[in-house]
């Protein structure tokens, strides 16, 4: 099996409903843009953990001091397509 290329720290990942989950037993029903802090494998090879921030955390008026604001599972295919430049 070949290793997939995943988005690097600082990359922006757009997830739509059904492309992400808040945890192993949930399902995401909203749209989000996430600025990646890190990406890690999960117990389910179809999903990877993404730690990141919302784009608003980089605004001058935002004093986000958290290591990350998002901790979600994102479909591996979405992450690979983003890393390959095939998704906005």
PDB file of N, CA and C in Angstrom:
ATOM      1  N   UNK A   1       0.844  -1.178   0.000  1.00  0.00           N
ATOM      2  CA  UNK A   1       0.000   0.000   0.000  1.00  0.00           C
ATOM      3  C   UNK A   1       0.891   1.243   0.000  1.00  0.00           C
ATOM      4  N   UNK A   2       0.545   2.219  -0.811  1.00  0.00           N
ATOM      5  CA  UNK A   2       1.325   3.445  -0.905  1.00  0.00           C
ATOM      6  C   UNK A   2       0.833   4.466   0.115  1.00  0.00           C
ATOM      7  N   UNK A   3       1.769   5.179   0.685  1.00  0.00           N
ATOM      8  CA  UNK A   3       1.411   6.234   1.644  1.00  0.00           C
ATOM      9  C   UNK A   3       0.773   7.395   0.894  1.00  0.00           C
ATOM     10  N   UNK A   4      -0.239   7.973   1.467  1.00  0.00           N
ATOM     11  CA  UNK A   4      -0.912   9.127   0.862  1.00  0.00           C
ATOM     12  C   UNK A   4      -0.228  10.409   1.309  1.00  0.00           C
ATOM     13  N   UNK A   5      -0.233  11.379   0.427  1.00  0.00           N
ATOM     14  CA  UNK A   5       0.256  12.703   0.786  1.00  0.00           C
ATOM     15  C   UNK A   5      -0.904  13.465   1.403  1.00  0.00           C
ATOM     16  N   UNK A   6      -0.668  14.021   2.569  1.00  0.00           N
ATOM     17  CA  UNK A   6      -1.701  14.768   3.282  1.00  0.00           C
ATOM     18  C   UNK A   6      -1.322  16.245   3.336  1.00  0.00           C
ATOM     19  N   UNK A   7      -2.303  17.118   3.566  1.00  0.00           N
ATOM     20  CA  UNK A   7      -2.009  18.549   3.639  1.00  0.00           C
ATOM     21  C   UNK A   7      -0.983  18.873   4.727  1.00  0.00           C
ATOM     22  N   UNK A   8      -0.108  19.786   4.419  1.00  0.00           N
ATOM     23  CA  UNK A   8       0.938  20.219   5.347  1.00  0.00           C
ATOM     24  C   UNK A   8       0.388  21.264   6.316  1.00  0.00           C
ATOM     25  N   UNK A   9       1.072  21.471   7.431  1.00  0.00           N
ATOM     26  CA  UNK A   9       0.661  22.544   8.340  1.00  0.00           C
ATOM     27  C   UNK A   9       0.547  23.872   7.596  1.00  0.00           C
ATOM     28  N   UNK A  10      -0.525  24.591   7.875  1.00  0.00           N
ATOM     29  CA  UNK A  10      -0.782  25.867   7.214  1.00  0.00           C
ATOM     30  C   UNK A  10      -1.689  25.752   6.000  1.00  0.00           C
ATOM     31  N   UNK A  11      -1.878  24.529   5.476  1.00  0.00           N
ATOM     32  CA  UNK A  11      -2.769  24.331   4.333  1.00  0.00           C
ATOM     33  C   UNK A  11      -4.213  24.557   4.778  1.00  0.00           C
ATOM     34  N   UNK A  12      -5.030  24.970   3.850  1.00  0.00           N
ATOM     35  CA  UNK A  12      -6.450  25.187   4.144  1.00  0.00           C
ATOM     36  C   UNK A  12      -7.255  24.032   3.554  1.00  0.00           C
ATOM     37  N   UNK A  13      -8.040  23.380   4.392  1.00  0.00           N
ATOM     38  CA  UNK A  13      -8.875  22.255   3.988  1.00  0.00           C
ATOM     39  C   UNK A  13     -10.332  22.673   4.117  1.00  0.00           C
ATOM     40  N   UNK A  14     -11.094  22.485   3.066  1.00  0.00           N
ATOM     41  CA  UNK A  14     -12.520  22.771   3.085  1.00  0.00           C
ATOM     42  C   UNK A  14     -13.264  21.450   3.199  1.00  0.00           C
ATOM     43  N   UNK A  15     -14.105  21.332   4.219  1.00  0.00           N
ATOM     44  CA  UNK A  15     -14.912  20.123   4.386  1.00  0.00           C
ATOM     45  C   UNK A  15     -16.387  20.482   4.300  1.00  0.00           C
ATOM     46  N   UNK A  16     -17.114  19.611   3.638  1.00  0.00           N
ATOM     47  CA  UNK A  16     -18.552  19.788   3.450  1.00  0.00           C
ATOM     48  C   UNK A  16     -19.298  18.748   4.290  1.00  0.00           C
ATOM     49  N   UNK A  17     -20.596  18.915   4.459  1.00  0.00           N
ATOM     50  CA  UNK A  17     -21.356  17.903   5.198  1.00  0.00           C
ATOM     51  C   UNK A  17     -21.108  16.505   4.626  1.00  0.00           C
ATOM     52  N   UNK A  18     -20.917  15.547   5.506  1.00  0.00           N
ATOM     53  CA  UNK A  18     -20.664  14.171   5.101  1.00  0.00           C
ATOM     54  C   UNK A  18     -19.205  13.850   4.823  1.00  0.00           C
ATOM     55  N   UNK A  19     -18.326  14.865   4.837  1.00  0.00           N
ATOM     56  CA  UNK A  19     -16.900  14.640   4.574  1.00  0.00           C
ATOM     57  C   UNK A  19     -16.071  14.616   5.853  1.00  0.00           C
ATOM     58  N   UNK A  20     -16.696  14.869   6.976  1.00  0.00           N
ATOM     59  CA  UNK A  20     -15.969  14.922   8.246  1.00  0.00           C
ATOM     60  C   UNK A  20     -16.867  14.409   9.365  1.00  0.00           C
ATOM     61  N   UNK A  21     -16.246  14.097  10.499  1.00  0.00           N
ATOM     62  CA  UNK A  21     -16.978  13.645  11.686  1.00  0.00           C
ATOM     63  C   UNK A  21     -16.342  14.275  12.916  1.00  0.00           C
ATOM     64  N   UNK A  22     -17.150  14.630  13.912  1.00  0.00           N
ATOM     65  CA  UNK A  22     -16.582  15.187  15.137  1.00  0.00           C
ATOM     66  C   UNK A  22     -15.889  14.129  15.994  1.00  0.00           C
ATOM     67  N   UNK A  23     -16.164  12.888  15.730  1.00  0.00           N
ATOM     68  CA  UNK A  23     -15.572  11.760  16.451  1.00  0.00           C
ATOM     69  C   UNK A  23     -15.960  10.476  15.749  1.00  0.00           C
ATOM     70  N   UNK A  24     -15.485   9.349  16.225  1.00  0.00           N
ATOM     71  CA  UNK A  24     -15.751   8.078  15.549  1.00  0.00           C
ATOM     72  C   UNK A  24     -17.233   7.751  15.366  1.00  0.00           C
ATOM     73  N   UNK A  25     -18.094   8.226  16.264  1.00  0.00           N
ATOM     74  CA  UNK A  25     -19.499   7.853  16.203  1.00  0.00           C
ATOM     75  C   UNK A  25     -20.420   8.950  15.680  1.00  0.00           C
ATOM     76  N   UNK A  26     -19.891  10.074  15.275  1.00  0.00           N
ATOM     77  CA  UNK A  26     -20.733  11.177  14.815  1.00  0.00           C
ATOM     78  C   UNK A  26     -20.647  11.363  13.319  1.00  0.00           C
ATOM     79  N   UNK A  27     -21.324  12.383  12.836  1.00  0.00           N
ATOM     80  CA  UNK A  27     -21.221  12.766  11.437  1.00  0.00           C
ATOM     81  C   UNK A  27     -21.343  14.276  11.347  1.00  0.00           C
ATOM     82  N   UNK A  28     -20.484  14.892  10.538  1.00  0.00           N
ATOM     83  CA  UNK A  28     -20.502  16.340  10.386  1.00  0.00           C
ATOM     84  C   UNK A  28     -21.580  16.780   9.418  1.00  0.00           C
ATOM     85  N   UNK A  29     -22.349  17.776   9.823  1.00  0.00           N
ATOM     86  CA  UNK A  29     -23.460  18.250   9.002  1.00  0.00           C
ATOM     87  C   UNK A  29     -23.285  19.686   8.531  1.00  0.00           C
ATOM     88  N   UNK A  30     -22.115  20.271   8.755  1.00  0.00           N
ATOM     89  CA  UNK A  30     -21.891  21.669   8.397  1.00  0.00           C
ATOM     90  C   UNK A  30     -20.638  21.792   7.528  1.00  0.00           C
ATOM     91  N   UNK A  31     -20.451  22.974   6.987  1.00  0.00           N
ATOM     92  CA  UNK A  31     -19.319  23.313   6.129  1.00  0.00           C
ATOM     93  C   UNK A  31     -18.278  24.029   6.990  1.00  0.00           C
ATOM     94  N   UNK A  32     -16.996  23.670   6.800  1.00  0.00           N
ATOM     95  CA  UNK A  32     -15.927  24.344   7.543  1.00  0.00           C
ATOM     96  C   UNK A  32     -14.692  24.513   6.678  1.00  0.00           C
ATOM     97  N   UNK A  33     -13.983  25.593   6.918  1.00  0.00           N
ATOM     98  CA  UNK A  33     -12.628  25.770   6.406  1.00  0.00           C
ATOM     99  C   UNK A  33     -11.714  25.598   7.607  1.00  0.00           C
ATOM    100  N   UNK A  34     -10.707  24.763   7.452  1.00  0.00           N
ATOM    101  CA  UNK A  34      -9.786  24.481   8.544  1.00  0.00           C
ATOM    102  C   UNK A  34      -8.366  24.752   8.072  1.00  0.00           C
ATOM    103  N   UNK A  35      -7.615  25.521   8.844  1.00  0.00           N
ATOM    104  CA  UNK A  35      -6.195  25.728   8.583  1.00  0.00           C
ATOM    105  C   UNK A  35      -5.459  24.656   9.396  1.00  0.00           C
ATOM    106  N   UNK A  36      -4.773  23.777   8.696  1.00  0.00           N
ATOM    107  CA  UNK A  36      -4.178  22.590   9.301  1.00  0.00           C
ATOM    108  C   UNK A  36      -3.025  22.923  10.243  1.00  0.00           C
ATOM    109  N   UNK A  37      -3.069  22.314  11.428  1.00  0.00           N
ATOM    110  CA  UNK A  37      -1.938  22.309  12.347  1.00  0.00           C
ATOM    111  C   UNK A  37      -1.190  20.993  12.156  1.00  0.00           C
ATOM    112  N   UNK A  38      -1.946  19.878  12.145  1.00  0.00           N
ATOM    113  CA  UNK A  38      -1.353  18.566  11.899  1.00  0.00           C
ATOM    114  C   UNK A  38      -2.425  17.578  11.451  1.00  0.00           C
ATOM    115  N   UNK A  39      -1.977  16.491  10.802  1.00  0.00           N
ATOM    116  CA  UNK A  39      -2.852  15.434  10.302  1.00  0.00           C
ATOM    117  C   UNK A  39      -2.281  14.109  10.788  1.00  0.00           C
ATOM    118  N   UNK A  40      -3.165  13.232  11.304  1.00  0.00           N
ATOM    119  CA  UNK A  40      -2.725  11.955  11.865  1.00  0.00           C
ATOM    120  C   UNK A  40      -3.672  10.834  11.471  1.00  0.00           C
ATOM    121  N   UNK A  41      -3.143   9.638  11.301  1.00  0.00           N
ATOM    122  CA  UNK A  41      -3.973   8.476  11.017  1.00  0.00           C
ATOM    123  C   UNK A  41      -4.920   8.205  12.178  1.00  0.00           C
ATOM    124  N   UNK A  42      -6.042   7.568  11.863  1.00  0.00           N
ATOM    125  CA  UNK A  42      -7.000   7.156  12.898  1.00  0.00           C
ATOM    126  C   UNK A  42      -7.174   5.649  12.832  1.00  0.00           C
ATOM    127  N   UNK A  43      -8.045   5.119  13.663  1.00  0.00           N
ATOM    128  CA  UNK A  43      -8.333   3.684  13.658  1.00  0.00           C
ATOM    129  C   UNK A  43      -9.053   3.259  12.375  1.00  0.00           C
ATOM    130  N   UNK A  44      -9.720   4.190  11.711  1.00  0.00           N
ATOM    131  CA  UNK A  44     -10.454   3.931  10.474  1.00  0.00           C
ATOM    132  C   UNK A  44      -9.637   4.489   9.312  1.00  0.00           C
ATOM    133  N   UNK A  45      -9.142   3.638   8.409  1.00  0.00           N
ATOM    134  CA  UNK A  45      -8.296   4.137   7.313  1.00  0.00           C
ATOM    135  C   UNK A  45      -9.007   5.094   6.354  1.00  0.00           C
ATOM    136  N   UNK A  46     -10.325   5.145   6.397  1.00  0.00           N
ATOM    137  CA  UNK A  46     -11.071   6.063   5.526  1.00  0.00           C
ATOM    138  C   UNK A  46     -11.063   7.491   6.056  1.00  0.00           C
ATOM    139  N   UNK A  47     -10.723   7.668   7.340  1.00  0.00           N
ATOM    140  CA  UNK A  47     -10.713   8.985   7.980  1.00  0.00           C
ATOM    141  C   UNK A  47      -9.388   9.221   8.685  1.00  0.00           C
ATOM    142  N   UNK A  48      -8.934  10.468   8.666  1.00  0.00           N
ATOM    143  CA  UNK A  48      -7.717  10.879   9.383  1.00  0.00           C
ATOM    144  C   UNK A  48      -8.087  12.008  10.326  1.00  0.00           C
ATOM    145  N   UNK A  49      -7.381  12.074  11.470  1.00  0.00           N
ATOM    146  CA  UNK A  49      -7.581  13.169  12.410  1.00  0.00           C
ATOM    147  C   UNK A  49      -6.925  14.435  11.860  1.00  0.00           C
ATOM    148  N   UNK A  50      -7.639  15.520  11.925  1.00  0.00           N
ATOM    149  CA  UNK A  50      -7.105  16.832  11.539  1.00  0.00           C
ATOM    150  C   UNK A  50      -7.216  17.748  12.746  1.00  0.00           C
ATOM    151  N   UNK A  51      -6.100  18.325  13.130  1.00  0.00           N
ATOM    152  CA  UNK A  51      -6.062  19.348  14.170  1.00  0.00           C
ATOM    153  C   UNK A  51      -5.801  20.662  13.448  1.00  0.00           C
ATOM    154  N   UNK A  52      -6.584  21.680  13.777  1.00  0.00           N
ATOM    155  CA  UNK A  52      -6.395  22.944  13.071  1.00  0.00           C
ATOM    156  C   UNK A  52      -7.176  24.087  13.694  1.00  0.00           C
ATOM    157  N   UNK A  53      -7.178  25.181  12.976  1.00  0.00           N
ATOM    158  CA  UNK A  53      -7.857  26.411  13.377  1.00  0.00           C
ATOM    159  C   UNK A  53      -8.810  26.826  12.278  1.00  0.00           C
ATOM    160  N   UNK A  54      -9.798  27.618  12.644  1.00  0.00           N
ATOM    161  CA  UNK A  54     -10.618  28.275  11.649  1.00  0.00           C
ATOM    162  C   UNK A  54      -9.836  29.449  11.089  1.00  0.00           C
ATOM    163  N   UNK A  55     -10.115  29.870   9.860  1.00  0.00           N
ATOM    164  CA  UNK A  55      -9.394  31.014   9.280  1.00  0.00           C
ATOM    165  C   UNK A  55      -9.488  32.270  10.132  1.00  0.00           C
ATOM    166  N   UNK A  56     -10.584  32.417  10.881  1.00  0.00           N
ATOM    167  CA  UNK A  56     -10.764  33.612  11.713  1.00  0.00           C
ATOM    168  C   UNK A  56      -9.752  33.693  12.848  1.00  0.00           C
ATOM    169  N   UNK A  57      -9.098  32.598  13.175  1.00  0.00           N
ATOM    170  CA  UNK A  57      -8.083  32.625  14.236  1.00  0.00           C
ATOM    171  C   UNK A  57      -6.852  33.434  13.826  1.00  0.00           C
ATOM    172  N   UNK A  58      -6.697  33.690  12.538  1.00  0.00           N
ATOM    173  CA  UNK A  58      -5.527  34.448  12.082  1.00  0.00           C
ATOM    174  C   UNK A  58      -5.829  35.943  11.937  1.00  0.00           C
ATOM    175  N   UNK A  59      -7.062  36.355  12.210  1.00  0.00           N
ATOM    176  CA  UNK A  59      -7.381  37.772  12.153  1.00  0.00           C
ATOM    177  C   UNK A  59      -6.617  38.512  13.236  1.00  0.00           C
ATOM    178  N   UNK A  60      -6.280  39.764  12.957  1.00  0.00           N
ATOM    179  CA  UNK A  60      -5.534  40.575  13.929  1.00  0.00           C
ATOM    180  C   UNK A  60      -6.268  40.699  15.254  1.00  0.00           C
ATOM    181  N   UNK A  61      -7.595  40.722  15.222  1.00  0.00           N
ATOM    182  CA  UNK A  61      -8.371  40.889  16.448  1.00  0.00           C
ATOM    183  C   UNK A  61      -8.556  39.576  17.206  1.00  0.00           C
ATOM    184  N   UNK A  62      -8.149  38.477  16.621  1.00  0.00           N
ATOM    185  CA  UNK A  62      -8.292  37.179  17.288  1.00  0.00           C
ATOM    186  C   UNK A  62      -7.010  36.862  18.052  1.00  0.00           C
ATOM    187  N   UNK A  63      -7.161  36.585  19.299  1.00  0.00           N
ATOM    188  CA  UNK A  63      -6.011  36.213  20.125  1.00  0.00           C
ATOM    189  C   UNK A  63      -6.102  34.739  20.485  1.00  0.00           C
ATOM    190  N   UNK A  64      -6.168  33.888  19.477  1.00  0.00           N
ATOM    191  CA  UNK A  64      -6.288  32.456  19.715  1.00  0.00           C
ATOM    192  C   UNK A  64      -4.931  31.911  20.168  1.00  0.00           C
ATOM    193  N   UNK A  65      -4.890  31.439  21.386  1.00  0.00           N
ATOM    194  CA  UNK A  65      -3.643  30.907  21.927  1.00  0.00           C
ATOM    195  C   UNK A  65      -3.704  29.385  22.093  1.00  0.00           C
ATOM    196  N   UNK A  66      -4.793  28.794  21.636  1.00  0.00           N
ATOM    197  CA  UNK A  66      -4.943  27.347  21.726  1.00  0.00           C
ATOM    198  C   UNK A  66      -4.036  26.664  20.705  1.00  0.00           C
ATOM    199  N   UNK A  67      -3.566  25.453  20.996  1.00  0.00           N
ATOM    200  CA  UNK A  67      -2.765  24.729  20.005  1.00  0.00           C
ATOM    201  C   UNK A  67      -3.584  24.405  18.757  1.00  0.00           C
ATOM    202  N   UNK A  68      -4.902  24.178  18.939  1.00  0.00           N
ATOM    203  CA  UNK A  68      -5.816  23.961  17.820  1.00  0.00           C
ATOM    204  C   UNK A  68      -7.243  24.158  18.307  1.00  0.00           C
ATOM    205  N   UNK A  69      -8.128  24.540  17.387  1.00  0.00           N
ATOM    206  CA  UNK A  69      -9.539  24.753  17.707  1.00  0.00           C
ATOM    207  C   UNK A  69     -10.414  23.621  17.158  1.00  0.00           C
ATOM    208  N   UNK A  70      -9.933  22.960  16.127  1.00  0.00           N
ATOM    209  CA  UNK A  70     -10.640  21.836  15.527  1.00  0.00           C
ATOM    210  C   UNK A  70      -9.883  20.555  15.811  1.00  0.00           C
ATOM    211  N   UNK A  71     -10.607  19.508  16.159  1.00  0.00           N
ATOM    212  CA  UNK A  71     -10.077  18.159  16.275  1.00  0.00           C
ATOM    213  C   UNK A  71     -11.162  17.279  15.674  1.00  0.00           C
ATOM    214  N   UNK A  72     -11.053  16.997  14.374  1.00  0.00           N
ATOM    215  CA  UNK A  72     -12.106  16.290  13.658  1.00  0.00           C
ATOM    216  C   UNK A  72     -11.514  15.202  12.774  1.00  0.00           C
ATOM    217  N   UNK A  73     -12.342  14.237  12.442  1.00  0.00           N
ATOM    218  CA  UNK A  73     -11.978  13.204  11.478  1.00  0.00           C
ATOM    219  C   UNK A  73     -12.440  13.661  10.103  1.00  0.00           C
ATOM    220  N   UNK A  74     -11.532  13.634   9.128  1.00  0.00           N
ATOM    221  CA  UNK A  74     -11.844  14.059   7.771  1.00  0.00           C
ATOM    222  C   UNK A  74     -11.548  12.890   6.835  1.00  0.00           C
ATOM    223  N   UNK A  75     -12.394  12.721   5.823  1.00  0.00           N
ATOM    224  CA  UNK A  75     -12.189  11.631   4.861  1.00  0.00           C
ATOM    225  C   UNK A  75     -10.800  11.733   4.248  1.00  0.00           C
ATOM    226  N   UNK A  76     -10.106  10.613   4.207  1.00  0.00           N
ATOM    227  CA  UNK A  76      -8.753  10.568   3.654  1.00  0.00           C
ATOM    228  C   UNK A  76      -8.735  11.032   2.205  1.00  0.00           C
ATOM    229  N   UNK A  77      -9.759  10.695   1.434  1.00  0.00           N
ATOM    230  CA  UNK A  77      -9.814  11.111   0.028  1.00  0.00           C
ATOM    231  C   UNK A  77      -9.884  12.627  -0.108  1.00  0.00           C
ATOM    232  N   UNK A  78     -10.596  13.291   0.796  1.00  0.00           N
ATOM    233  CA  UNK A  78     -10.702  14.758   0.793  1.00  0.00           C
ATOM    234  C   UNK A  78      -9.332  15.365   1.088  1.00  0.00           C
ATOM    235  N   UNK A  79      -8.655  14.807   2.080  1.00  0.00           N
ATOM    236  CA  UNK A  79      -7.329  15.331   2.437  1.00  0.00           C
ATOM    237  C   UNK A  79      -6.319  15.114   1.320  1.00  0.00           C
ATOM    238  N   UNK A  80      -6.314  13.934   0.718  1.00  0.00           N
ATOM    239  CA  UNK A  80      -5.377  13.643  -0.380  1.00  0.00           C
ATOM    240  C   UNK A  80      -5.654  14.552  -1.585  1.00  0.00           C
ATOM    241  N   UNK A  81      -6.929  14.764  -1.913  1.00  0.00           N
ATOM    242  CA  UNK A  81      -7.277  15.638  -3.041  1.00  0.00           C
ATOM    243  C   UNK A  81      -6.867  17.083  -2.757  1.00  0.00           C
ATOM    244  N   UNK A  82      -7.015  17.522  -1.511  1.00  0.00           N
ATOM    245  CA  UNK A  82      -6.589  18.872  -1.134  1.00  0.00           C
ATOM    246  C   UNK A  82      -5.080  19.009  -1.270  1.00  0.00           C
ATOM    247  N   UNK A  83      -4.345  18.010  -0.771  1.00  0.00           N
ATOM    248  CA  UNK A  83      -2.874  18.048  -0.852  1.00  0.00           C
ATOM    249  C   UNK A  83      -2.398  18.037  -2.309  1.00  0.00           C
ATOM    250  N   UNK A  84      -3.152  17.377  -3.183  1.00  0.00           N
ATOM    251  CA  UNK A  84      -2.787  17.304  -4.602  1.00  0.00           C
ATOM    252  C   UNK A  84      -3.241  18.535  -5.394  1.00  0.00           C
ATOM    253  N   UNK A  85      -3.941  19.457  -4.730  1.00  0.00           N
ATOM    254  CA  UNK A  85      -4.407  20.676  -5.414  1.00  0.00           C
ATOM    255  C   UNK A  85      -5.652  20.445  -6.232  1.00  0.00           C
ATOM    256  N   UNK A  86      -6.377  19.374  -5.981  1.00  0.00           N
ATOM    257  CA  UNK A  86      -7.580  19.041  -6.749  1.00  0.00           C
ATOM    258  C   UNK A  86      -8.859  19.577  -6.121  1.00  0.00           C
ATOM    259  N   UNK A  87      -8.732  20.169  -4.958  1.00  0.00           N
ATOM    260  CA  UNK A  87      -9.884  20.767  -4.259  1.00  0.00           C
ATOM    261  C   UNK A  87      -9.488  22.142  -3.770  1.00  0.00           C
ATOM    262  N   UNK A  88     -10.488  23.018  -3.683  1.00  0.00           N
ATOM    263  CA  UNK A  88     -10.192  24.361  -3.147  1.00  0.00           C
ATOM    264  C   UNK A  88      -9.881  24.313  -1.677  1.00  0.00           C
TER     265      UNK A  88
END
